[in-house]
Amino acid sequence: MEQGQALSDPWIPEHPFLERDEIIEQTPVYSARANVFVPARLGDCMSDTRTEFTAAESSISSQSSTSD
């Protein structure tokens, strides 16, 4: 994979206490754009990232429901 290229499939590793949706919600925009979903550490959060995740969450949700 070239630098700056998004993963073809979303990568959402398991988290010890967050649910999948919470991980997606707390992922910084720059990571979500790369299709890498890991929650930001407290203090590293970017401002107002929630609105920018709408498209990413929709995409992830539709991919999950079609693969079940």
N, C-alpha and C. Protein backbone atom coordinates (compact mmCIF):
# COMPACT_ATOMS: atom_id res chain seq x y z
N MET A 1 0.84 -1.18 0.00
CA MET A 1 0.00 0.00 0.00
C MET A 1 0.89 1.24 0.00
N GLU A 2 0.58 2.16 -0.90
CA GLU A 2 1.33 3.42 -0.96
C GLU A 2 0.90 4.34 0.17
N GLN A 3 1.82 5.22 0.56
CA GLN A 3 1.50 6.19 1.59
C GLN A 3 0.37 7.09 1.10
N GLY A 4 -0.60 7.36 1.94
CA GLY A 4 -1.72 8.21 1.58
C GLY A 4 -2.87 7.46 0.94
N GLN A 5 -2.71 6.17 0.70
CA GLN A 5 -3.76 5.36 0.10
C GLN A 5 -4.56 4.68 1.21
N ALA A 6 -5.88 4.69 1.09
CA ALA A 6 -6.72 4.05 2.09
C ALA A 6 -6.73 2.54 1.92
N LEU A 7 -6.93 1.83 3.02
CA LEU A 7 -7.07 0.39 2.97
C LEU A 7 -8.35 0.05 2.21
N SER A 8 -8.35 -1.05 1.48
CA SER A 8 -9.55 -1.44 0.74
C SER A 8 -10.65 -1.93 1.67
N ASP A 9 -10.29 -2.57 2.78
CA ASP A 9 -11.25 -3.02 3.79
C ASP A 9 -10.98 -2.27 5.09
N PRO A 10 -12.04 -1.89 5.81
CA PRO A 10 -11.82 -1.20 7.08
C PRO A 10 -11.12 -2.08 8.09
N TRP A 11 -10.21 -1.49 8.84
CA TRP A 11 -9.50 -2.20 9.91
C TRP A 11 -9.98 -1.63 11.23
N ILE A 12 -10.69 -2.45 11.99
CA ILE A 12 -11.23 -2.04 13.28
C ILE A 12 -10.83 -3.11 14.30
N PRO A 13 -9.68 -2.93 14.94
CA PRO A 13 -9.24 -3.93 15.91
C PRO A 13 -10.14 -3.95 17.15
N GLU A 14 -10.17 -5.09 17.82
CA GLU A 14 -10.94 -5.19 19.05
C GLU A 14 -10.36 -4.25 20.10
N HIS A 15 -11.22 -3.76 20.96
CA HIS A 15 -10.81 -2.85 22.02
C HIS A 15 -11.27 -3.46 23.35
N PRO A 16 -10.48 -3.31 24.42
CA PRO A 16 -10.84 -3.97 25.69
C PRO A 16 -12.15 -3.51 26.31
N PHE A 17 -12.61 -2.27 26.04
CA PHE A 17 -13.85 -1.83 26.68
C PHE A 17 -14.75 -0.98 25.80
N LEU A 18 -14.40 -0.73 24.55
CA LEU A 18 -15.25 0.03 23.65
C LEU A 18 -15.92 -0.91 22.65
N GLU A 19 -17.17 -0.61 22.32
CA GLU A 19 -17.89 -1.34 21.29
C GLU A 19 -17.42 -0.85 19.92
N ARG A 20 -17.72 -1.63 18.90
CA ARG A 20 -17.30 -1.30 17.53
C ARG A 20 -17.74 0.11 17.12
N ASP A 21 -19.01 0.45 17.38
CA ASP A 21 -19.52 1.78 17.01
C ASP A 21 -18.79 2.89 17.76
N GLU A 22 -18.43 2.63 19.01
CA GLU A 22 -17.70 3.63 19.79
C GLU A 22 -16.29 3.84 19.24
N ILE A 23 -15.67 2.76 18.79
CA ILE A 23 -14.34 2.87 18.19
C ILE A 23 -14.41 3.76 16.95
N ILE A 24 -15.39 3.48 16.08
CA ILE A 24 -15.55 4.27 14.85
C ILE A 24 -15.81 5.74 15.20
N GLU A 25 -16.68 5.96 16.17
CA GLU A 25 -17.04 7.32 16.57
C GLU A 25 -15.85 8.11 17.11
N GLN A 26 -14.93 7.44 17.79
CA GLN A 26 -13.81 8.12 18.44
C GLN A 26 -12.53 8.11 17.60
N THR A 27 -12.62 7.63 16.38
CA THR A 27 -11.45 7.61 15.50
C THR A 27 -11.24 8.98 14.88
N PRO A 28 -10.01 9.49 14.89
CA PRO A 28 -9.74 10.78 14.25
C PRO A 28 -10.02 10.71 12.74
N VAL A 29 -10.38 11.82 12.17
CA VAL A 29 -10.74 11.91 10.76
C VAL A 29 -9.63 11.38 9.85
N TYR A 30 -8.39 11.75 10.13
CA TYR A 30 -7.29 11.34 9.26
C TYR A 30 -7.14 9.82 9.23
N SER A 31 -7.44 9.15 10.32
CA SER A 31 -7.38 7.68 10.34
C SER A 31 -8.57 7.07 9.62
N ALA A 32 -9.74 7.63 9.85
CA ALA A 32 -10.95 7.12 9.18
C ALA A 32 -10.82 7.23 7.67
N ARG A 33 -10.24 8.29 7.20
CA ARG A 33 -10.04 8.45 5.75
C ARG A 33 -9.14 7.37 5.18
N ALA A 34 -8.26 6.83 6.01
CA ALA A 34 -7.37 5.75 5.58
C ALA A 34 -8.02 4.38 5.81
N ASN A 35 -9.28 4.39 6.31
CA ASN A 35 -10.01 3.16 6.60
C ASN A 35 -9.40 2.40 7.77
N VAL A 36 -8.77 3.14 8.69
CA VAL A 36 -8.16 2.58 9.90
C VAL A 36 -8.92 3.20 11.08
N PHE A 37 -9.57 2.35 11.87
CA PHE A 37 -10.43 2.84 12.93
C PHE A 37 -9.89 2.43 14.29
N VAL A 38 -9.26 3.39 14.96
CA VAL A 38 -8.76 3.23 16.32
C VAL A 38 -9.12 4.50 17.08
N PRO A 39 -9.57 4.39 18.31
CA PRO A 39 -9.97 5.59 19.04
C PRO A 39 -8.77 6.48 19.37
N ALA A 40 -8.99 7.78 19.31
CA ALA A 40 -7.95 8.73 19.68
C ALA A 40 -7.73 8.66 21.19
N ARG A 41 -6.51 8.90 21.60
CA ARG A 41 -6.24 9.00 23.04
C ARG A 41 -6.82 10.30 23.55
N LEU A 42 -7.22 10.32 24.79
CA LEU A 42 -7.75 11.53 25.39
C LEU A 42 -6.73 12.64 25.23
N GLY A 43 -7.16 13.77 24.72
CA GLY A 43 -6.26 14.89 24.49
C GLY A 43 -5.77 14.96 23.06
N ASP A 44 -5.83 13.83 22.34
CA ASP A 44 -5.42 13.81 20.93
C ASP A 44 -6.61 14.00 20.00
N CYS A 45 -7.81 14.09 20.56
CA CYS A 45 -9.01 14.18 19.73
C CYS A 45 -9.01 15.47 18.92
N MET A 46 -9.45 15.35 17.69
CA MET A 46 -9.58 16.52 16.83
C MET A 46 -10.95 17.13 17.09
N SER A 47 -11.08 18.43 16.92
CA SER A 47 -12.34 19.09 17.22
C SER A 47 -13.42 18.72 16.20
N ASP A 48 -14.61 18.52 16.72
CA ASP A 48 -15.81 18.25 15.93
C ASP A 48 -15.62 17.19 14.86
N THR A 49 -15.07 16.06 15.22
CA THR A 49 -14.87 14.98 14.25
C THR A 49 -16.16 14.20 14.00
N ARG A 50 -17.13 14.32 14.87
CA ARG A 50 -18.36 13.54 14.76
C ARG A 50 -19.04 13.72 13.40
N THR A 51 -19.15 14.93 12.93
CA THR A 51 -19.86 15.16 11.67
C THR A 51 -19.11 14.57 10.48
N GLU A 52 -17.80 14.48 10.57
CA GLU A 52 -17.03 13.95 9.47
C GLU A 52 -17.05 12.43 9.40
N PHE A 53 -17.58 11.78 10.43
CA PHE A 53 -17.63 10.32 10.44
C PHE A 53 -18.90 9.77 9.82
N THR A 54 -19.86 10.62 9.53
CA THR A 54 -21.14 10.14 9.02
C THR A 54 -20.96 9.26 7.80
N ALA A 55 -20.20 9.71 6.83
CA ALA A 55 -19.99 8.92 5.61
C ALA A 55 -19.21 7.65 5.91
N ALA A 56 -18.20 7.75 6.75
CA ALA A 56 -17.40 6.58 7.09
C ALA A 56 -18.24 5.54 7.81
N GLU A 57 -19.07 5.96 8.75
CA GLU A 57 -19.92 5.02 9.47
C GLU A 57 -20.94 4.36 8.54
N SER A 58 -21.50 5.14 7.64
CA SER A 58 -22.45 4.58 6.69
C SER A 58 -21.80 3.52 5.84
N SER A 59 -20.60 3.81 5.39
CA SER A 59 -19.87 2.86 4.56
C SER A 59 -19.56 1.59 5.33
N ILE A 60 -19.09 1.73 6.56
CA ILE A 60 -18.75 0.57 7.39
C ILE A 60 -20.01 -0.25 7.68
N SER A 61 -21.09 0.42 8.03
CA SER A 61 -22.33 -0.28 8.36
C SER A 61 -22.85 -1.06 7.17
N SER A 62 -22.81 -0.47 5.99
CA SER A 62 -23.32 -1.17 4.82
C SER A 62 -22.44 -2.35 4.46
N GLN A 63 -21.11 -2.22 4.65
CA GLN A 63 -20.21 -3.33 4.37
C GLN A 63 -20.43 -4.46 5.37
N SER A 64 -20.72 -4.12 6.62
CA SER A 64 -20.93 -5.13 7.65
C SER A 64 -22.22 -5.90 7.40
N SER A 65 -23.27 -5.19 7.02
CA SER A 65 -24.56 -5.87 6.83
C SER A 65 -24.55 -6.75 5.59
N THR A 66 -23.75 -6.43 4.61
CA THR A 66 -23.69 -7.27 3.40
C THR A 66 -22.80 -8.47 3.58
N SER A 67 -21.88 -8.42 4.54
CA SER A 67 -20.97 -9.55 4.75
C SER A 67 -21.47 -10.55 5.77
N ASP A 68 -22.59 -10.22 6.48
CA ASP A 68 -23.13 -11.14 7.49
C ASP A 68 -23.91 -12.26 6.86
